[in-house]
């Protein structure tokens, strides 16, 4: 659950403001910034931090620690974003053409199925 309350353990939405080889810098709100250390990006090996976030991205982070004096946070994105999971999804960009091409056939099949069920 994403919340606006800044407490350890809560998940917040943040904007990526910088990407370095050791972690991701984010802006949580107008007062607080945070660092997601490379060790808090993924359970697996992180070869390139930019594979996980780019400047301007909005990402969900879990608060690990808060420094109220410096207005900084330690954050994690482990297991919060699908990109970070060990089991990655096979992503295929095909748009809606497959749906569009098959929609009429699916509608006809469903109509026939409904008519058949109504006759029985």
C-alpha atoms as a PDB file:
ATOM      1  CA  UNK A   1       0.000   0.000   0.000  1.00  0.00           C
ATOM      2  CA  UNK A   2       1.418   3.375  -1.016  1.00  0.00           C
ATOM      3  CA  UNK A   3       1.073   6.073   1.633  1.00  0.00           C
ATOM      4  CA  UNK A   4       2.067   9.700   2.083  1.00  0.00           C
ATOM      5  CA  UNK A   5       3.146   9.188   5.703  1.00  0.00           C
ATOM      6  CA  UNK A   6       6.924   9.047   6.055  1.00  0.00           C
ATOM      7  CA  UNK A   7       7.537   6.184   8.459  1.00  0.00           C
ATOM      8  CA  UNK A   8       9.989   3.313   8.335  1.00  0.00           C
ATOM      9  CA  UNK A   9       8.391   0.395   6.500  1.00  0.00           C
ATOM     10  CA  UNK A  10       5.968   2.488   4.463  1.00  0.00           C
ATOM     11  CA  UNK A  11       6.005   2.479   0.680  1.00  0.00           C
ATOM     12  CA  UNK A  12       6.211   5.860  -1.030  1.00  0.00           C
ATOM     13  CA  UNK A  13       6.247   7.072  -4.611  1.00  0.00           C
ATOM     14  CA  UNK A  14       9.413   8.977  -5.549  1.00  0.00           C
ATOM     15  CA  UNK A  15      10.934  10.668  -8.589  1.00  0.00           C
ATOM     16  CA  UNK A  16      14.404   9.615  -9.737  1.00  0.00           C
ATOM     17  CA  UNK A  17      16.742  12.628  -9.673  1.00  0.00           C
ATOM     18  CA  UNK A  18      20.071  10.908 -10.244  1.00  0.00           C
ATOM     19  CA  UNK A  19      21.606   7.572 -11.147  1.00  0.00           C
ATOM     20  CA  UNK A  20      25.136   6.643 -10.130  1.00  0.00           C
ATOM     21  CA  UNK A  21      27.030   3.361 -10.297  1.00  0.00           C
ATOM     22  CA  UNK A  22      26.406   2.890  -6.551  1.00  0.00           C
ATOM     23  CA  UNK A  23      22.689   3.717  -6.406  1.00  0.00           C
ATOM     24  CA  UNK A  24      19.654   5.765  -7.318  1.00  0.00           C
ATOM     25  CA  UNK A  25      18.852   9.210  -5.911  1.00  0.00           C
ATOM     26  CA  UNK A  26      15.190  10.126  -5.533  1.00  0.00           C
ATOM     27  CA  UNK A  27      13.013  13.017  -4.414  1.00  0.00           C
ATOM     28  CA  UNK A  28      10.290  11.721  -2.108  1.00  0.00           C
ATOM     29  CA  UNK A  29       8.567  15.072  -1.567  1.00  0.00           C
ATOM     30  CA  UNK A  30       9.473  18.763  -1.306  1.00  0.00           C
ATOM     31  CA  UNK A  31      11.356  18.152   1.953  1.00  0.00           C
ATOM     32  CA  UNK A  32      12.909  14.694   1.685  1.00  0.00           C
ATOM     33  CA  UNK A  33      15.401  13.094  -0.688  1.00  0.00           C
ATOM     34  CA  UNK A  34      16.572   9.528  -0.601  1.00  0.00           C
ATOM     35  CA  UNK A  35      19.181   7.060  -1.767  1.00  0.00           C
ATOM     36  CA  UNK A  36      18.507   3.548  -2.943  1.00  0.00           C
ATOM     37  CA  UNK A  37      21.903   1.890  -2.547  1.00  0.00           C
ATOM     38  CA  UNK A  38      22.847  -0.642  -5.218  1.00  0.00           C
ATOM     39  CA  UNK A  39      22.463  -3.416  -2.623  1.00  0.00           C
ATOM     40  CA  UNK A  40      18.814  -2.367  -2.177  1.00  0.00           C
ATOM     41  CA  UNK A  41      17.883  -2.490  -5.870  1.00  0.00           C
ATOM     42  CA  UNK A  42      17.604  -6.222  -6.467  1.00  0.00           C
ATOM     43  CA  UNK A  43      18.128  -9.592  -4.815  1.00  0.00           C
ATOM     44  CA  UNK A  44      20.339 -10.514  -7.761  1.00  0.00           C
ATOM     45  CA  UNK A  45      23.521  -8.979  -9.135  1.00  0.00           C
ATOM     46  CA  UNK A  46      23.091  -5.437 -10.462  1.00  0.00           C
ATOM     47  CA  UNK A  47      25.497  -4.880 -13.321  1.00  0.00           C
ATOM     48  CA  UNK A  48      24.085  -1.537 -14.418  1.00  0.00           C
ATOM     49  CA  UNK A  49      21.937   0.637 -12.158  1.00  0.00           C
ATOM     50  CA  UNK A  50      20.451   2.372 -15.220  1.00  0.00           C
ATOM     51  CA  UNK A  51      18.741  -0.924 -16.120  1.00  0.00           C
ATOM     52  CA  UNK A  52      16.454  -0.289 -13.125  1.00  0.00           C
ATOM     53  CA  UNK A  53      15.776   3.464 -13.230  1.00  0.00           C
ATOM     54  CA  UNK A  54      16.366   6.574 -15.287  1.00  0.00           C
ATOM     55  CA  UNK A  55      16.192  10.247 -14.300  1.00  0.00           C
ATOM     56  CA  UNK A  56      12.567  11.363 -14.288  1.00  0.00           C
ATOM     57  CA  UNK A  57      11.131   7.888 -13.596  1.00  0.00           C
ATOM     58  CA  UNK A  58       8.577   7.588 -10.825  1.00  0.00           C
ATOM     59  CA  UNK A  59       9.211   4.503  -8.714  1.00  0.00           C
ATOM     60  CA  UNK A  60       7.834   2.962  -5.551  1.00  0.00           C
ATOM     61  CA  UNK A  61      10.259   2.666  -2.647  1.00  0.00           C
ATOM     62  CA  UNK A  62      10.090   1.218   0.838  1.00  0.00           C
ATOM     63  CA  UNK A  63      11.506   3.402   3.626  1.00  0.00           C
ATOM     64  CA  UNK A  64      14.357   1.723   5.532  1.00  0.00           C
ATOM     65  CA  UNK A  65      15.602   4.681   7.576  1.00  0.00           C
ATOM     66  CA  UNK A  66      14.807   8.380   7.982  1.00  0.00           C
ATOM     67  CA  UNK A  67      17.189  11.176   8.981  1.00  0.00           C
ATOM     68  CA  UNK A  68      14.817  13.958  10.025  1.00  0.00           C
ATOM     69  CA  UNK A  69      17.655  16.412  10.671  1.00  0.00           C
ATOM     70  CA  UNK A  70      19.174  16.105   7.191  1.00  0.00           C
ATOM     71  CA  UNK A  71      15.833  15.282   5.510  1.00  0.00           C
ATOM     72  CA  UNK A  72      17.309  12.187   3.876  1.00  0.00           C
ATOM     73  CA  UNK A  73      16.120   8.606   3.635  1.00  0.00           C
ATOM     74  CA  UNK A  74      17.544   5.184   2.986  1.00  0.00           C
ATOM     75  CA  UNK A  75      15.193   3.319   0.671  1.00  0.00           C
ATOM     76  CA  UNK A  76      14.804  -0.036  -1.040  1.00  0.00           C
ATOM     77  CA  UNK A  77      13.061  -1.186  -4.187  1.00  0.00           C
ATOM     78  CA  UNK A  78      13.773  -4.888  -3.714  1.00  0.00           C
ATOM     79  CA  UNK A  79      10.701  -6.900  -4.705  1.00  0.00           C
ATOM     80  CA  UNK A  80       8.560  -3.772  -5.154  1.00  0.00           C
ATOM     81  CA  UNK A  81       8.907  -3.414  -8.922  1.00  0.00           C
ATOM     82  CA  UNK A  82       8.611  -6.310 -11.369  1.00  0.00           C
ATOM     83  CA  UNK A  83      11.923  -5.310 -13.015  1.00  0.00           C
ATOM     84  CA  UNK A  84      13.722  -6.114  -9.778  1.00  0.00           C
ATOM     85  CA  UNK A  85      12.448  -9.641  -9.286  1.00  0.00           C
ATOM     86  CA  UNK A  86      14.695 -12.586 -10.037  1.00  0.00           C
ATOM     87  CA  UNK A  87      11.963 -14.095 -12.188  1.00  0.00           C
ATOM     88  CA  UNK A  88      11.594 -11.509 -14.912  1.00  0.00           C
ATOM     89  CA  UNK A  89       8.604 -11.421 -17.185  1.00  0.00           C
ATOM     90  CA  UNK A  90       9.146 -11.956 -20.886  1.00  0.00           C
ATOM     91  CA  UNK A  91       8.256  -8.589 -22.299  1.00  0.00           C
ATOM     92  CA  UNK A  92       7.006  -8.379 -25.850  1.00  0.00           C
ATOM     93  CA  UNK A  93       5.852  -5.158 -27.396  1.00  0.00           C
ATOM     94  CA  UNK A  94       3.165  -5.934 -29.943  1.00  0.00           C
ATOM     95  CA  UNK A  95       0.630  -3.223 -29.335  1.00  0.00           C
ATOM     96  CA  UNK A  96      -3.038  -3.960 -29.853  1.00  0.00           C
ATOM     97  CA  UNK A  97      -2.751  -5.466 -33.330  1.00  0.00           C
ATOM     98  CA  UNK A  98      -3.042  -9.065 -32.066  1.00  0.00           C
ATOM     99  CA  UNK A  99      -6.198  -8.182 -30.158  1.00  0.00           C
ATOM    100  CA  UNK A 100      -7.635  -6.262 -33.092  1.00  0.00           C
ATOM    101  CA  UNK A 101      -6.882  -9.077 -35.531  1.00  0.00           C
ATOM    102  CA  UNK A 102      -8.582 -11.728 -33.389  1.00  0.00           C
ATOM    103  CA  UNK A 103     -11.421  -9.828 -31.729  1.00  0.00           C
ATOM    104  CA  UNK A 104     -14.068 -10.538 -34.395  1.00  0.00           C
ATOM    105  CA  UNK A 105     -13.280 -14.273 -34.326  1.00  0.00           C
ATOM    106  CA  UNK A 106     -13.469 -14.356 -30.526  1.00  0.00           C
ATOM    107  CA  UNK A 107     -16.818 -12.567 -30.554  1.00  0.00           C
ATOM    108  CA  UNK A 108     -18.234 -15.028 -33.085  1.00  0.00           C
ATOM    109  CA  UNK A 109     -16.946 -18.005 -31.089  1.00  0.00           C
ATOM    110  CA  UNK A 110     -18.543 -16.653 -27.919  1.00  0.00           C
ATOM    111  CA  UNK A 111     -21.858 -15.967 -29.696  1.00  0.00           C
ATOM    112  CA  UNK A 112     -21.944 -19.559 -30.975  1.00  0.00           C
ATOM    113  CA  UNK A 113     -21.116 -20.862 -27.505  1.00  0.00           C
ATOM    114  CA  UNK A 114     -23.921 -18.798 -25.935  1.00  0.00           C
ATOM    115  CA  UNK A 115     -26.441 -19.901 -28.598  1.00  0.00           C
ATOM    116  CA  UNK A 116     -25.449 -23.540 -28.097  1.00  0.00           C
ATOM    117  CA  UNK A 117     -25.875 -23.243 -24.310  1.00  0.00           C
ATOM    118  CA  UNK A 118     -29.296 -21.597 -24.726  1.00  0.00           C
ATOM    119  CA  UNK A 119     -30.497 -24.488 -26.945  1.00  0.00           C
ATOM    120  CA  UNK A 120     -29.519 -27.091 -24.340  1.00  0.00           C
END
